[in-house]
Amino acid sequence: MNKKNQKILHLSIIVFVLILSFFAWNTFIIYPIKLFVVLLHEMSHGLVAVLTGGKIISIELNKYLGGLTTTEGGNILLIASAGYLGSIGIGALLFISSFDKKVSTWFNTALAVLLIIFAANFLVDLLSQITALIAAVLLVISPRYFNTLVNQIIIQSLGLVSAFYVLIDIKEDLLSGGNYQNDAVILENITSVSSTIIGITWLVISAIVIFFLLKKLIYAK
């Protein structure tokens, strides 16, 4: 396959994964990726709790992909915002790092170590522990043993869906009429800013980041 056709295939697969994530989010097809990105979202809450002087009590997932991070202390505003920011930020870093195999290897390894640390200390349910360990193995193996194209497709798909998760999470929790506690509602309680405004703001940020990530892929050499 020549370079041009390889680029077309690469872009087509990434766009397909993105479209599939949107239309098949609640199906078994996306379930493994969904587990990973929800776990990253919850871990981001925990990381910011620690970084702002608090501590993590526990993190758990359930089979319906609800996530719950329990923390103590720290800056509650930053902790509540960290899920959205972490999903976008870690996703973007995964995506961008994949363009350089050496950078991808180091970043993936660092994230894998973090997943193992969380699995050993803070993840309290078997589902999240298994998810963290499988993801850690994949992150370590992919840049080391898969060819460049396969590694990029795997890592970019994970990164892009992580950033895209913010859009889906807000749509399902807020814009589709969800009335249960979620990050936007928690932020509304803290700041008195409407959860709808908060949700739409993060939705726009997510869309902008995804646009620039796809643009980078299109124009990458």
N, C-alpha and C. Protein backbone atom coordinates (compact mmCIF):
# COMPACT_ATOMS: atom_id res chain seq x y z
N MET A 1 0.85 -1.20 0.00
CA MET A 1 0.00 0.00 0.00
C MET A 1 0.89 1.25 0.00
N ASN A 2 0.64 2.15 -0.95
CA ASN A 2 1.45 3.36 -0.99
C ASN A 2 1.04 4.31 0.14
N LYS A 3 1.84 5.35 0.31
CA LYS A 3 1.65 6.25 1.45
C LYS A 3 0.30 6.97 1.40
N LYS A 4 -0.13 7.35 0.21
CA LYS A 4 -1.40 8.06 0.08
C LYS A 4 -2.57 7.17 0.48
N ASN A 5 -2.58 5.94 0.01
CA ASN A 5 -3.66 5.02 0.35
C ASN A 5 -3.63 4.65 1.84
N GLN A 6 -2.43 4.54 2.37
CA GLN A 6 -2.29 4.27 3.80
C GLN A 6 -2.89 5.41 4.62
N LYS A 7 -2.65 6.63 4.18
CA LYS A 7 -3.19 7.81 4.88
C LYS A 7 -4.72 7.82 4.80
N ILE A 8 -5.26 7.49 3.64
CA ILE A 8 -6.72 7.45 3.47
C ILE A 8 -7.33 6.37 4.38
N LEU A 9 -6.70 5.21 4.42
CA LEU A 9 -7.17 4.13 5.28
C LEU A 9 -7.13 4.55 6.75
N HIS A 10 -6.01 5.14 7.14
CA HIS A 10 -5.82 5.60 8.51
C HIS A 10 -6.92 6.57 8.92
N LEU A 11 -7.13 7.59 8.12
CA LEU A 11 -8.13 8.61 8.42
C LEU A 11 -9.54 8.01 8.42
N SER A 12 -9.80 7.11 7.48
CA SER A 12 -11.13 6.49 7.39
C SER A 12 -11.45 5.68 8.64
N ILE A 13 -10.48 4.95 9.14
CA ILE A 13 -10.70 4.14 10.34
C ILE A 13 -10.96 5.02 11.56
N ILE A 14 -10.18 6.08 11.71
CA ILE A 14 -10.34 6.98 12.85
C ILE A 14 -11.72 7.65 12.82
N VAL A 15 -12.12 8.13 11.65
CA VAL A 15 -13.44 8.77 11.52
C VAL A 15 -14.55 7.75 11.77
N PHE A 16 -14.35 6.53 11.28
CA PHE A 16 -15.34 5.46 11.50
C PHE A 16 -15.51 5.18 12.99
N VAL A 17 -14.39 5.11 13.72
CA VAL A 17 -14.45 4.87 15.16
C VAL A 17 -15.21 5.99 15.87
N LEU A 18 -14.96 7.22 15.42
CA LEU A 18 -15.64 8.38 16.02
C LEU A 18 -17.15 8.32 15.76
N ILE A 19 -17.52 8.02 14.52
CA ILE A 19 -18.94 7.93 14.17
C ILE A 19 -19.60 6.77 14.91
N LEU A 20 -18.89 5.65 14.97
CA LEU A 20 -19.41 4.48 15.67
C LEU A 20 -19.62 4.77 17.15
N SER A 21 -18.71 5.52 17.73
CA SER A 21 -18.83 5.88 19.14
C SER A 21 -20.09 6.69 19.40
N PHE A 22 -20.41 7.56 18.46
CA PHE A 22 -21.60 8.41 18.62
C PHE A 22 -22.88 7.60 18.50
N PHE A 23 -22.95 6.76 17.48
CA PHE A 23 -24.21 6.05 17.21
C PHE A 23 -24.35 4.72 17.96
N ALA A 24 -23.23 4.17 18.42
CA ALA A 24 -23.29 2.87 19.09
C ALA A 24 -22.72 2.93 20.50
N TRP A 25 -22.78 4.11 21.11
CA TRP A 25 -22.16 4.31 22.42
C TRP A 25 -22.69 3.35 23.48
N ASN A 26 -23.97 3.06 23.43
CA ASN A 26 -24.58 2.19 24.45
C ASN A 26 -24.69 0.73 24.01
N THR A 27 -23.83 0.33 23.09
CA THR A 27 -23.84 -1.06 22.64
C THR A 27 -22.53 -1.75 23.03
N PHE A 28 -22.52 -3.08 22.92
CA PHE A 28 -21.34 -3.86 23.29
C PHE A 28 -20.15 -3.57 22.38
N ILE A 29 -20.40 -3.04 21.19
CA ILE A 29 -19.32 -2.79 20.23
C ILE A 29 -18.29 -1.82 20.80
N ILE A 30 -18.76 -0.78 21.45
CA ILE A 30 -17.90 0.27 21.99
C ILE A 30 -17.54 0.01 23.45
N TYR A 31 -18.14 -0.99 24.05
CA TYR A 31 -18.03 -1.21 25.49
C TYR A 31 -16.59 -1.22 26.02
N PRO A 32 -15.64 -1.92 25.39
CA PRO A 32 -14.26 -1.92 25.94
C PRO A 32 -13.63 -0.54 25.95
N ILE A 33 -13.81 0.22 24.86
CA ILE A 33 -13.26 1.58 24.82
C ILE A 33 -13.97 2.46 25.84
N LYS A 34 -15.27 2.26 25.95
CA LYS A 34 -16.08 3.04 26.88
C LYS A 34 -15.59 2.85 28.31
N LEU A 35 -15.30 1.61 28.68
CA LEU A 35 -14.76 1.32 30.00
C LEU A 35 -13.49 2.12 30.26
N PHE A 36 -12.61 2.12 29.27
CA PHE A 36 -11.33 2.80 29.42
C PHE A 36 -11.50 4.30 29.60
N VAL A 37 -12.31 4.93 28.77
CA VAL A 37 -12.44 6.39 28.83
C VAL A 37 -13.20 6.84 30.07
N VAL A 38 -14.18 6.05 30.52
CA VAL A 38 -14.87 6.39 31.77
C VAL A 38 -13.91 6.28 32.95
N LEU A 39 -13.04 5.27 32.92
CA LEU A 39 -12.05 5.12 33.98
C LEU A 39 -11.09 6.31 34.00
N LEU A 40 -10.63 6.75 32.83
CA LEU A 40 -9.77 7.93 32.77
C LEU A 40 -10.47 9.16 33.35
N HIS A 41 -11.75 9.29 33.03
CA HIS A 41 -12.56 10.41 33.53
C HIS A 41 -12.56 10.41 35.06
N GLU A 42 -12.83 9.25 35.65
CA GLU A 42 -12.90 9.15 37.11
C GLU A 42 -11.52 9.33 37.75
N MET A 43 -10.50 8.77 37.13
CA MET A 43 -9.15 8.93 37.65
C MET A 43 -8.72 10.39 37.66
N SER A 44 -9.18 11.15 36.68
CA SER A 44 -8.84 12.58 36.61
C SER A 44 -9.36 13.33 37.83
N HIS A 45 -10.58 12.99 38.26
CA HIS A 45 -11.10 13.58 39.50
C HIS A 45 -10.15 13.29 40.66
N GLY A 46 -9.74 12.04 40.77
CA GLY A 46 -8.86 11.63 41.85
C GLY A 46 -7.51 12.31 41.82
N LEU A 47 -6.91 12.40 40.63
CA LEU A 47 -5.60 13.03 40.50
C LEU A 47 -5.62 14.48 40.95
N VAL A 48 -6.66 15.21 40.54
CA VAL A 48 -6.75 16.63 40.92
C VAL A 48 -7.01 16.77 42.42
N ALA A 49 -7.75 15.83 42.98
CA ALA A 49 -7.94 15.87 44.44
C ALA A 49 -6.60 15.80 45.15
N VAL A 50 -5.75 14.88 44.72
CA VAL A 50 -4.42 14.73 45.33
C VAL A 50 -3.56 15.98 45.08
N LEU A 51 -3.60 16.48 43.84
CA LEU A 51 -2.77 17.64 43.48
C LEU A 51 -3.20 18.91 44.20
N THR A 52 -4.44 18.97 44.68
CA THR A 52 -4.92 20.17 45.39
C THR A 52 -4.98 19.95 46.90
N GLY A 53 -4.26 18.93 47.38
CA GLY A 53 -4.14 18.73 48.82
C GLY A 53 -5.11 17.76 49.44
N GLY A 54 -5.94 17.11 48.63
CA GLY A 54 -6.89 16.14 49.16
C GLY A 54 -6.39 14.73 49.00
N LYS A 55 -7.28 13.78 49.12
CA LYS A 55 -6.90 12.38 48.94
C LYS A 55 -8.06 11.60 48.31
N ILE A 56 -7.69 10.50 47.69
CA ILE A 56 -8.68 9.63 47.05
C ILE A 56 -9.12 8.57 48.05
N ILE A 57 -10.43 8.43 48.20
CA ILE A 57 -10.97 7.38 49.06
C ILE A 57 -11.19 6.11 48.22
N SER A 58 -11.87 6.28 47.09
CA SER A 58 -12.14 5.12 46.23
C SER A 58 -12.61 5.58 44.86
N ILE A 59 -12.44 4.70 43.88
CA ILE A 59 -12.97 4.89 42.53
C ILE A 59 -13.61 3.58 42.10
N GLU A 60 -14.79 3.68 41.52
CA GLU A 60 -15.46 2.46 41.08
C GLU A 60 -16.26 2.70 39.80
N LEU A 61 -16.43 1.64 39.03
CA LEU A 61 -17.28 1.62 37.86
C LEU A 61 -18.33 0.54 38.08
N ASN A 62 -19.47 0.69 37.40
CA ASN A 62 -20.42 -0.43 37.40
C ASN A 62 -20.64 -0.87 35.96
N LYS A 63 -21.33 -1.99 35.79
CA LYS A 63 -21.47 -2.57 34.45
C LYS A 63 -22.27 -1.69 33.51
N TYR A 64 -23.02 -0.73 34.07
CA TYR A 64 -23.79 0.20 33.24
C TYR A 64 -22.98 1.44 32.90
N LEU A 65 -21.69 1.42 33.27
CA LEU A 65 -20.75 2.49 32.98
C LEU A 65 -21.02 3.76 33.75
N GLY A 66 -21.57 3.60 34.95
CA GLY A 66 -21.60 4.73 35.86
C GLY A 66 -20.29 4.74 36.61
N GLY A 67 -19.75 5.92 36.86
CA GLY A 67 -18.49 6.02 37.58
C GLY A 67 -18.68 6.86 38.83
N LEU A 68 -17.95 6.51 39.87
CA LEU A 68 -18.03 7.26 41.12
C LEU A 68 -16.65 7.38 41.73
N THR A 69 -16.20 8.63 41.92
CA THR A 69 -14.93 8.89 42.59
C THR A 69 -15.24 9.57 43.91
N THR A 70 -14.77 8.98 44.99
CA THR A 70 -14.97 9.55 46.32
C THR A 70 -13.65 10.11 46.81
N THR A 71 -13.64 11.39 47.14
CA THR A 71 -12.42 12.05 47.60
C THR A 71 -12.68 12.77 48.92
N GLU A 72 -11.58 13.21 49.50
CA GLU A 72 -11.68 13.97 50.76
C GLU A 72 -10.70 15.12 50.70
N GLY A 73 -11.19 16.32 50.98
CA GLY A 73 -10.33 17.50 50.93
C GLY A 73 -10.06 17.94 49.51
N GLY A 74 -9.11 18.85 49.34
CA GLY A 74 -8.78 19.36 48.01
C GLY A 74 -9.72 20.47 47.57
N ASN A 75 -9.46 21.00 46.40
CA ASN A 75 -10.27 22.09 45.85
C ASN A 75 -11.46 21.48 45.12
N ILE A 76 -12.64 21.63 45.68
CA ILE A 76 -13.82 20.96 45.14
C ILE A 76 -14.18 21.45 43.74
N LEU A 77 -13.94 22.73 43.45
CA LEU A 77 -14.23 23.26 42.12
C LEU A 77 -13.35 22.61 41.07
N LEU A 78 -12.07 22.51 41.35
CA LEU A 78 -11.14 21.89 40.40
C LEU A 78 -11.39 20.39 40.29
N ILE A 79 -11.71 19.76 41.40
CA ILE A 79 -11.98 18.32 41.37
C ILE A 79 -13.20 18.03 40.51
N ALA A 80 -14.25 18.82 40.67
CA ALA A 80 -15.47 18.61 39.89
C ALA A 80 -15.24 18.86 38.40
N SER A 81 -14.34 19.79 38.07
CA SER A 81 -14.05 20.11 36.67
C SER A 81 -13.09 19.11 36.04
N ALA A 82 -12.39 18.36 36.87
CA ALA A 82 -11.29 17.53 36.39
C ALA A 82 -11.72 16.39 35.49
N GLY A 83 -12.94 15.89 35.66
CA GLY A 83 -13.40 14.79 34.81
C GLY A 83 -13.44 15.20 33.36
N TYR A 84 -14.08 16.33 33.08
CA TYR A 84 -14.15 16.83 31.71
C TYR A 84 -12.76 17.19 31.19
N LEU A 85 -12.00 17.93 32.02
CA LEU A 85 -10.67 18.38 31.59
C LEU A 85 -9.74 17.19 31.37
N GLY A 86 -9.81 16.20 32.26
CA GLY A 86 -8.96 15.02 32.13
C GLY A 86 -9.28 14.20 30.90
N SER A 87 -10.57 14.02 30.63
CA SER A 87 -10.98 13.27 29.44
C SER A 87 -10.43 13.92 28.18
N ILE A 88 -10.56 15.23 28.11
CA ILE A 88 -10.07 15.96 26.93
C ILE A 88 -8.54 16.00 26.90
N GLY A 89 -7.94 16.35 28.04
CA GLY A 89 -6.49 16.52 28.09
C GLY A 89 -5.72 15.23 27.87
N ILE A 90 -6.08 14.18 28.60
CA ILE A 90 -5.38 12.90 28.42
C ILE A 90 -5.64 12.34 27.03
N GLY A 91 -6.88 12.49 26.56
CA GLY A 91 -7.20 12.03 25.21
C GLY A 91 -6.37 12.73 24.15
N ALA A 92 -6.24 14.05 24.29
CA ALA A 92 -5.46 14.82 23.31
C ALA A 92 -3.98 14.44 23.37
N LEU A 93 -3.46 14.23 24.57
CA LEU A 93 -2.05 13.84 24.71
C LEU A 93 -1.78 12.46 24.13
N LEU A 94 -2.71 11.52 24.35
CA LEU A 94 -2.58 10.21 23.74
C LEU A 94 -2.52 10.33 22.22
N PHE A 95 -3.45 11.10 21.68
CA PHE A 95 -3.56 11.27 20.23
C PHE A 95 -2.29 11.89 19.66
N ILE A 96 -1.86 13.01 20.24
CA ILE A 96 -0.71 13.74 19.71
C ILE A 96 0.59 12.95 19.87
N SER A 97 0.75 12.27 21.01
CA SER A 97 1.98 11.52 21.25
C SER A 97 2.17 10.39 20.25
N SER A 98 1.08 9.88 19.70
CA SER A 98 1.16 8.73 18.80
C SER A 98 1.90 9.02 17.49
N PHE A 99 2.08 10.29 17.16
CA PHE A 99 2.77 10.65 15.92
C PHE A 99 4.28 10.44 16.02
N ASP A 100 4.80 10.31 17.23
CA ASP A 100 6.22 10.04 17.44
C ASP A 100 6.33 8.77 18.27
N LYS A 101 6.91 7.73 17.70
CA LYS A 101 6.92 6.43 18.39
C LYS A 101 7.62 6.50 19.74
N LYS A 102 8.72 7.24 19.82
CA LYS A 102 9.44 7.33 21.09
C LYS A 102 8.59 8.04 22.14
N VAL A 103 7.98 9.15 21.74
CA VAL A 103 7.11 9.89 22.67
C VAL A 103 5.92 9.04 23.09
N SER A 104 5.36 8.34 22.12
CA SER A 104 4.22 7.46 22.40
C SER A 104 4.60 6.37 23.39
N THR A 105 5.78 5.81 23.22
CA THR A 105 6.24 4.75 24.13
C THR A 105 6.35 5.25 25.55
N TRP A 106 6.96 6.41 25.73
CA TRP A 106 7.14 6.96 27.07
C TRP A 106 5.82 7.40 27.68
N PHE A 107 4.99 8.08 26.92
CA PHE A 107 3.72 8.56 27.47
C PHE A 107 2.80 7.39 27.81
N ASN A 108 2.73 6.43 26.91
CA ASN A 108 1.89 5.25 27.16
C ASN A 108 2.36 4.49 28.41
N THR A 109 3.68 4.37 28.54
CA THR A 109 4.22 3.67 29.71
C THR A 109 3.88 4.40 31.00
N ALA A 110 4.01 5.72 30.99
CA ALA A 110 3.68 6.52 32.17
C ALA A 110 2.20 6.35 32.54
N LEU A 111 1.33 6.38 31.52
CA LEU A 111 -0.10 6.21 31.77
C LEU A 111 -0.40 4.80 32.26
N ALA A 112 0.31 3.81 31.71
CA ALA A 112 0.13 2.42 32.15
C ALA A 112 0.52 2.25 33.62
N VAL A 113 1.63 2.86 34.01
CA VAL A 113 2.07 2.80 35.42
C VAL A 113 1.02 3.45 36.32
N LEU A 114 0.48 4.58 35.88
CA LEU A 114 -0.56 5.27 36.65
C LEU A 114 -1.80 4.38 36.81
N LEU A 115 -2.19 3.71 35.75
CA LEU A 115 -3.34 2.80 35.81
C LEU A 115 -3.09 1.67 36.82
N ILE A 116 -1.89 1.13 36.82
CA ILE A 116 -1.56 0.05 37.75
C ILE A 116 -1.56 0.55 39.19
N ILE A 117 -1.03 1.74 39.42
CA ILE A 117 -1.04 2.33 40.76
C ILE A 117 -2.47 2.51 41.26
N PHE A 118 -3.33 3.02 40.39
CA PHE A 118 -4.73 3.21 40.77
C PHE A 118 -5.41 1.87 41.02
N ALA A 119 -5.13 0.89 40.17
CA ALA A 119 -5.73 -0.44 40.34
C ALA A 119 -5.35 -1.05 41.67
N ALA A 120 -4.10 -0.84 42.07
CA ALA A 120 -3.60 -1.44 43.31
C ALA A 120 -4.08 -0.71 44.57
N ASN A 121 -4.42 0.58 44.42
CA ASN A 121 -4.68 1.37 45.62
C ASN A 121 -6.08 1.97 45.74
N PHE A 122 -6.72 2.29 44.62
CA PHE A 122 -7.94 3.07 44.71
C PHE A 122 -9.17 2.46 44.02
N LEU A 123 -8.95 1.56 43.06
CA LEU A 123 -10.07 0.97 42.34
C LEU A 123 -10.64 -0.16 43.19
N VAL A 124 -11.91 -0.05 43.56
CA VAL A 124 -12.46 -0.96 44.56
C VAL A 124 -13.31 -2.08 43.98
N ASP A 125 -13.60 -2.01 42.68
CA ASP A 125 -14.43 -3.06 42.07
C ASP A 125 -13.61 -3.81 41.02
N LEU A 126 -14.00 -5.05 40.78
CA LEU A 126 -13.26 -5.92 39.88
C LEU A 126 -13.28 -5.39 38.45
N LEU A 127 -14.40 -4.82 38.02
CA LEU A 127 -14.52 -4.32 36.65
C LEU A 127 -13.48 -3.25 36.36
N SER A 128 -13.36 -2.27 37.24
CA SER A 128 -12.39 -1.19 37.01
C SER A 128 -10.96 -1.69 37.12
N GLN A 129 -10.71 -2.64 38.02
CA GLN A 129 -9.36 -3.21 38.16
C GLN A 129 -8.93 -3.95 36.90
N ILE A 130 -9.83 -4.77 36.36
CA ILE A 130 -9.53 -5.52 35.13
C ILE A 130 -9.33 -4.56 33.97
N THR A 131 -10.20 -3.55 33.88
CA THR A 131 -10.08 -2.54 32.81
C THR A 131 -8.72 -1.86 32.87
N ALA A 132 -8.31 -1.45 34.07
CA ALA A 132 -7.03 -0.75 34.23
C ALA A 132 -5.86 -1.64 33.82
N LEU A 133 -5.89 -2.90 34.21
CA LEU A 133 -4.77 -3.81 33.90
C LEU A 133 -4.69 -4.14 32.42
N ILE A 134 -5.85 -4.40 31.78
CA ILE A 134 -5.85 -4.67 30.34
C ILE A 134 -5.38 -3.45 29.56
N ALA A 135 -5.87 -2.28 29.95
CA ALA A 135 -5.47 -1.04 29.28
C ALA A 135 -3.97 -0.80 29.45
N ALA A 136 -3.46 -1.06 30.64
CA ALA A 136 -2.02 -0.87 30.90
C ALA A 136 -1.18 -1.77 30.01
N VAL A 137 -1.58 -3.03 29.87
CA VAL A 137 -0.85 -3.97 29.01
C VAL A 137 -0.88 -3.49 27.56
N LEU A 138 -2.06 -3.08 27.08
CA LEU A 138 -2.18 -2.61 25.70
C LEU A 138 -1.32 -1.37 25.46
N LEU A 139 -1.31 -0.44 26.41
CA LEU A 139 -0.53 0.78 26.25
C LEU A 139 0.97 0.50 26.20
N VAL A 140 1.41 -0.49 26.95
CA VAL A 140 2.83 -0.85 26.95
C VAL A 140 3.21 -1.59 25.67
N ILE A 141 2.37 -2.49 25.25
CA ILE A 141 2.67 -3.34 24.09
C ILE A 141 2.57 -2.58 22.77
N SER A 142 1.55 -1.77 22.61
CA SER A 142 1.23 -1.17 21.31
C SER A 142 2.40 -0.46 20.63
N PRO A 143 3.03 0.54 21.27
CA PRO A 143 4.12 1.24 20.57
C PRO A 143 5.39 0.42 20.42
N ARG A 144 5.52 -0.63 21.21
CA ARG A 144 6.74 -1.44 21.19
C ARG A 144 6.69 -2.59 20.18
N TYR A 145 5.53 -3.16 19.99
CA TYR A 145 5.45 -4.39 19.19
C TYR A 145 4.54 -4.29 17.96
N PHE A 146 3.69 -3.28 17.89
CA PHE A 146 2.86 -3.12 16.70
C PHE A 146 3.54 -2.17 15.73
N ASN A 147 3.22 -2.33 14.44
CA ASN A 147 3.82 -1.39 13.48
C ASN A 147 3.23 0.00 13.67
N THR A 148 3.86 0.97 13.06
CA THR A 148 3.51 2.38 13.30
C THR A 148 2.04 2.67 13.03
N LEU A 149 1.52 2.19 11.91
CA LEU A 149 0.13 2.48 11.55
C LEU A 149 -0.83 1.87 12.55
N VAL A 150 -0.62 0.62 12.92
CA VAL A 150 -1.52 -0.05 13.87
C VAL A 150 -1.48 0.65 15.23
N ASN A 151 -0.28 0.99 15.68
CA ASN A 151 -0.15 1.69 16.95
C ASN A 151 -0.89 3.03 16.91
N GLN A 152 -0.70 3.77 15.84
CA GLN A 152 -1.36 5.07 15.74
C GLN A 152 -2.88 4.93 15.73
N ILE A 153 -3.39 3.96 15.02
CA ILE A 153 -4.84 3.77 14.96
C ILE A 153 -5.40 3.41 16.34
N ILE A 154 -4.72 2.53 17.06
CA ILE A 154 -5.18 2.13 18.39
C ILE A 154 -5.14 3.30 19.36
N ILE A 155 -3.99 3.95 19.45
CA ILE A 155 -3.81 5.01 20.44
C ILE A 155 -4.63 6.25 20.08
N GLN A 156 -4.68 6.59 18.80
CA GLN A 156 -5.48 7.74 18.39
C GLN A 156 -6.97 7.50 18.60
N SER A 157 -7.42 6.27 18.39
CA SER A 157 -8.83 5.95 18.63
C SER A 157 -9.17 6.11 20.10
N LEU A 158 -8.30 5.60 20.97
CA LEU A 158 -8.52 5.74 22.42
C LEU A 158 -8.52 7.22 22.83
N GLY A 159 -7.55 7.96 22.30
CA GLY A 159 -7.44 9.37 22.64
C GLY A 159 -8.62 10.18 22.15
N LEU A 160 -9.02 9.94 20.92
CA LEU A 160 -10.12 10.71 20.33
C LEU A 160 -11.44 10.40 21.03
N VAL A 161 -11.70 9.13 21.32
CA VAL A 161 -12.94 8.77 22.00
C VAL A 161 -12.95 9.32 23.43
N SER A 162 -11.79 9.40 24.07
CA SER A 162 -11.72 10.00 25.40
C SER A 162 -12.14 11.46 25.36
N ALA A 163 -11.63 12.21 24.39
CA ALA A 163 -12.03 13.61 24.24
C ALA A 163 -13.51 13.71 23.84
N PHE A 164 -13.95 12.78 23.01
CA PHE A 164 -15.34 12.75 22.53
C PHE A 164 -16.30 12.38 23.66
N TYR A 165 -15.80 11.67 24.66
CA TYR A 165 -16.64 11.23 25.78
C TYR A 165 -17.28 12.41 26.50
N VAL A 166 -16.59 13.54 26.56
CA VAL A 166 -17.15 14.73 27.20
C VAL A 166 -18.45 15.13 26.51
N LEU A 167 -18.42 15.11 25.19
CA LEU A 167 -19.61 15.47 24.41
C LEU A 167 -20.74 14.49 24.69
N ILE A 168 -20.43 13.21 24.69
CA ILE A 168 -21.45 12.18 24.91
C ILE A 168 -21.97 12.24 26.34
N ASP A 169 -21.07 12.42 27.30
CA ASP A 169 -21.45 12.46 28.71
C ASP A 169 -22.41 13.61 28.97
N ILE A 170 -22.10 14.77 28.43
CA ILE A 170 -22.95 15.94 28.63
C ILE A 170 -24.29 15.75 27.94
N LYS A 171 -24.26 15.21 26.72
CA LYS A 171 -25.50 14.98 25.99
C LYS A 171 -26.42 14.03 26.76
N GLU A 172 -25.87 12.92 27.26
CA GLU A 172 -26.69 11.92 27.95
C GLU A 172 -27.14 12.40 29.33
N ASP A 173 -26.25 13.11 30.04
CA ASP A 173 -26.56 13.51 31.41
C ASP A 173 -27.41 14.77 31.49
N LEU A 174 -27.24 15.65 30.53
CA LEU A 174 -27.81 16.98 30.67
C LEU A 174 -28.79 17.33 29.56
N LEU A 175 -28.31 17.30 28.34
CA LEU A 175 -29.14 17.77 27.24
C LEU A 175 -30.26 16.80 26.89
N SER A 176 -30.11 15.52 27.30
CA SER A 176 -31.16 14.54 27.02
C SER A 176 -32.14 14.38 28.18
N GLY A 177 -32.04 15.28 29.14
CA GLY A 177 -33.04 15.29 30.20
C GLY A 177 -32.68 14.49 31.43
N GLY A 178 -31.40 14.10 31.57
CA GLY A 178 -31.01 13.37 32.78
C GLY A 178 -31.19 14.24 34.01
N ASN A 179 -31.72 13.68 35.09
CA ASN A 179 -32.00 14.47 36.28
C ASN A 179 -31.21 13.98 37.49
N TYR A 180 -30.15 13.20 37.24
CA TYR A 180 -29.37 12.70 38.35
C TYR A 180 -28.07 13.49 38.45
N GLN A 181 -27.36 13.24 39.55
CA GLN A 181 -26.15 14.00 39.83
C GLN A 181 -25.07 13.70 38.80
N ASN A 182 -24.47 14.76 38.26
CA ASN A 182 -23.37 14.62 37.33
C ASN A 182 -22.45 15.81 37.50
N ASP A 183 -21.34 15.81 36.77
CA ASP A 183 -20.34 16.85 36.98
C ASP A 183 -20.89 18.26 36.76
N ALA A 184 -21.70 18.43 35.71
CA ALA A 184 -22.26 19.76 35.41
C ALA A 184 -23.17 20.24 36.54
N VAL A 185 -23.97 19.34 37.08
CA VAL A 185 -24.86 19.69 38.19
C VAL A 185 -24.06 20.02 39.45
N ILE A 186 -23.02 19.23 39.70
CA ILE A 186 -22.15 19.50 40.86
C ILE A 186 -21.51 20.88 40.72
N LEU A 187 -21.04 21.20 39.51
CA LEU A 187 -20.44 22.51 39.27
C LEU A 187 -21.46 23.63 39.42
N GLU A 188 -22.69 23.37 39.01
CA GLU A 188 -23.76 24.36 39.21
C GLU A 188 -23.96 24.65 40.69
N ASN A 189 -23.95 23.59 41.51
CA ASN A 189 -24.13 23.76 42.95
C ASN A 189 -22.98 24.55 43.58
N ILE A 190 -21.79 24.40 43.00
CA ILE A 190 -20.62 25.10 43.54
C ILE A 190 -20.58 26.56 43.10
N THR A 191 -20.87 26.79 41.81
CA THR A 191 -20.66 28.11 41.21
C THR A 191 -21.93 28.93 41.02
N SER A 192 -23.10 28.29 41.10
CA SER A 192 -24.40 28.92 40.81
C SER A 192 -24.57 29.26 39.33
N VAL A 193 -23.65 28.78 38.49
CA VAL A 193 -23.81 28.91 37.04
C VAL A 193 -24.65 27.73 36.55
N SER A 194 -25.59 28.01 35.66
CA SER A 194 -26.49 26.97 35.17
C SER A 194 -25.71 25.75 34.65
N SER A 195 -26.18 24.56 35.03
CA SER A 195 -25.54 23.34 34.56
C SER A 195 -25.62 23.22 33.04
N THR A 196 -26.66 23.78 32.46
CA THR A 196 -26.79 23.77 30.99
C THR A 196 -25.68 24.59 30.35
N ILE A 197 -25.41 25.77 30.90
CA ILE A 197 -24.34 26.61 30.37
C ILE A 197 -22.99 25.92 30.55
N ILE A 198 -22.77 25.33 31.72
CA ILE A 198 -21.52 24.61 31.97
C ILE A 198 -21.37 23.45 30.98
N GLY A 199 -22.45 22.70 30.80
CA GLY A 199 -22.41 21.57 29.89
C GLY A 199 -22.12 21.98 28.46
N ILE A 200 -22.79 23.01 28.00
CA ILE A 200 -22.60 23.47 26.62
C ILE A 200 -21.18 24.01 26.43
N THR A 201 -20.64 24.68 27.45
CA THR A 201 -19.27 25.20 27.38
C THR A 201 -18.27 24.06 27.19
N TRP A 202 -18.40 23.01 28.00
CA TRP A 202 -17.49 21.87 27.86
C TRP A 202 -17.73 21.12 26.55
N LEU A 203 -18.98 21.10 26.12
CA LEU A 203 -19.29 20.46 24.83
C LEU A 203 -18.57 21.17 23.69
N VAL A 204 -18.60 22.49 23.71
CA VAL A 204 -17.91 23.28 22.68
C VAL A 204 -16.40 23.07 22.74
N ILE A 205 -15.85 23.07 23.97
CA ILE A 205 -14.41 22.84 24.13
C ILE A 205 -14.02 21.48 23.56
N SER A 206 -14.82 20.47 23.88
CA SER A 206 -14.55 19.12 23.36
C SER A 206 -14.59 19.11 21.84
N ALA A 207 -15.59 19.74 21.25
CA ALA A 207 -15.72 19.77 19.79
C ALA A 207 -14.53 20.47 19.13
N ILE A 208 -14.07 21.57 19.74
CA ILE A 208 -12.92 22.31 19.19
C ILE A 208 -11.66 21.45 19.24
N VAL A 209 -11.43 20.78 20.37
CA VAL A 209 -10.25 19.92 20.50
C VAL A 209 -10.29 18.79 19.48
N ILE A 210 -11.44 18.16 19.32
CA ILE A 210 -11.57 17.07 18.35
C ILE A 210 -11.30 17.58 16.93
N PHE A 211 -11.79 18.77 16.62
CA PHE A 211 -11.56 19.36 15.30
C PHE A 211 -10.06 19.51 15.03
N PHE A 212 -9.32 20.04 16.00
CA PHE A 212 -7.88 20.26 15.80
C PHE A 212 -7.10 18.95 15.79
N LEU A 213 -7.56 17.96 16.53
CA LEU A 213 -6.89 16.66 16.49
C LEU A 213 -7.06 16.02 15.12
N LEU A 214 -8.25 16.08 14.57
CA LEU A 214 -8.50 15.53 13.23
C LEU A 214 -7.73 16.33 12.18
N LYS A 215 -7.66 17.62 12.37
CA LYS A 215 -6.90 18.47 11.44
C LYS A 215 -5.43 18.08 11.46
N LYS A 216 -4.89 17.81 12.64
CA LYS A 216 -3.50 17.39 12.74
C LYS A 216 -3.27 16.08 12.02
N LEU A 217 -4.23 15.17 12.16
CA LEU A 217 -4.11 13.88 11.48
C LEU A 217 -4.16 14.05 9.97
N ILE A 218 -5.03 14.90 9.50
CA ILE A 218 -5.17 15.13 8.04
C ILE A 218 -3.88 15.69 7.44
N TYR A 219 -3.25 16.62 8.16
CA TYR A 219 -2.08 17.29 7.61
C TYR A 219 -0.75 16.71 8.07
N ALA A 220 -0.82 15.62 8.85
CA ALA A 220 0.42 14.98 9.31
C ALA A 220 1.15 14.38 8.13
N LYS A 221 2.46 14.42 8.18
CA LYS A 221 3.28 13.88 7.07
C LYS A 221 3.36 12.37 7.19
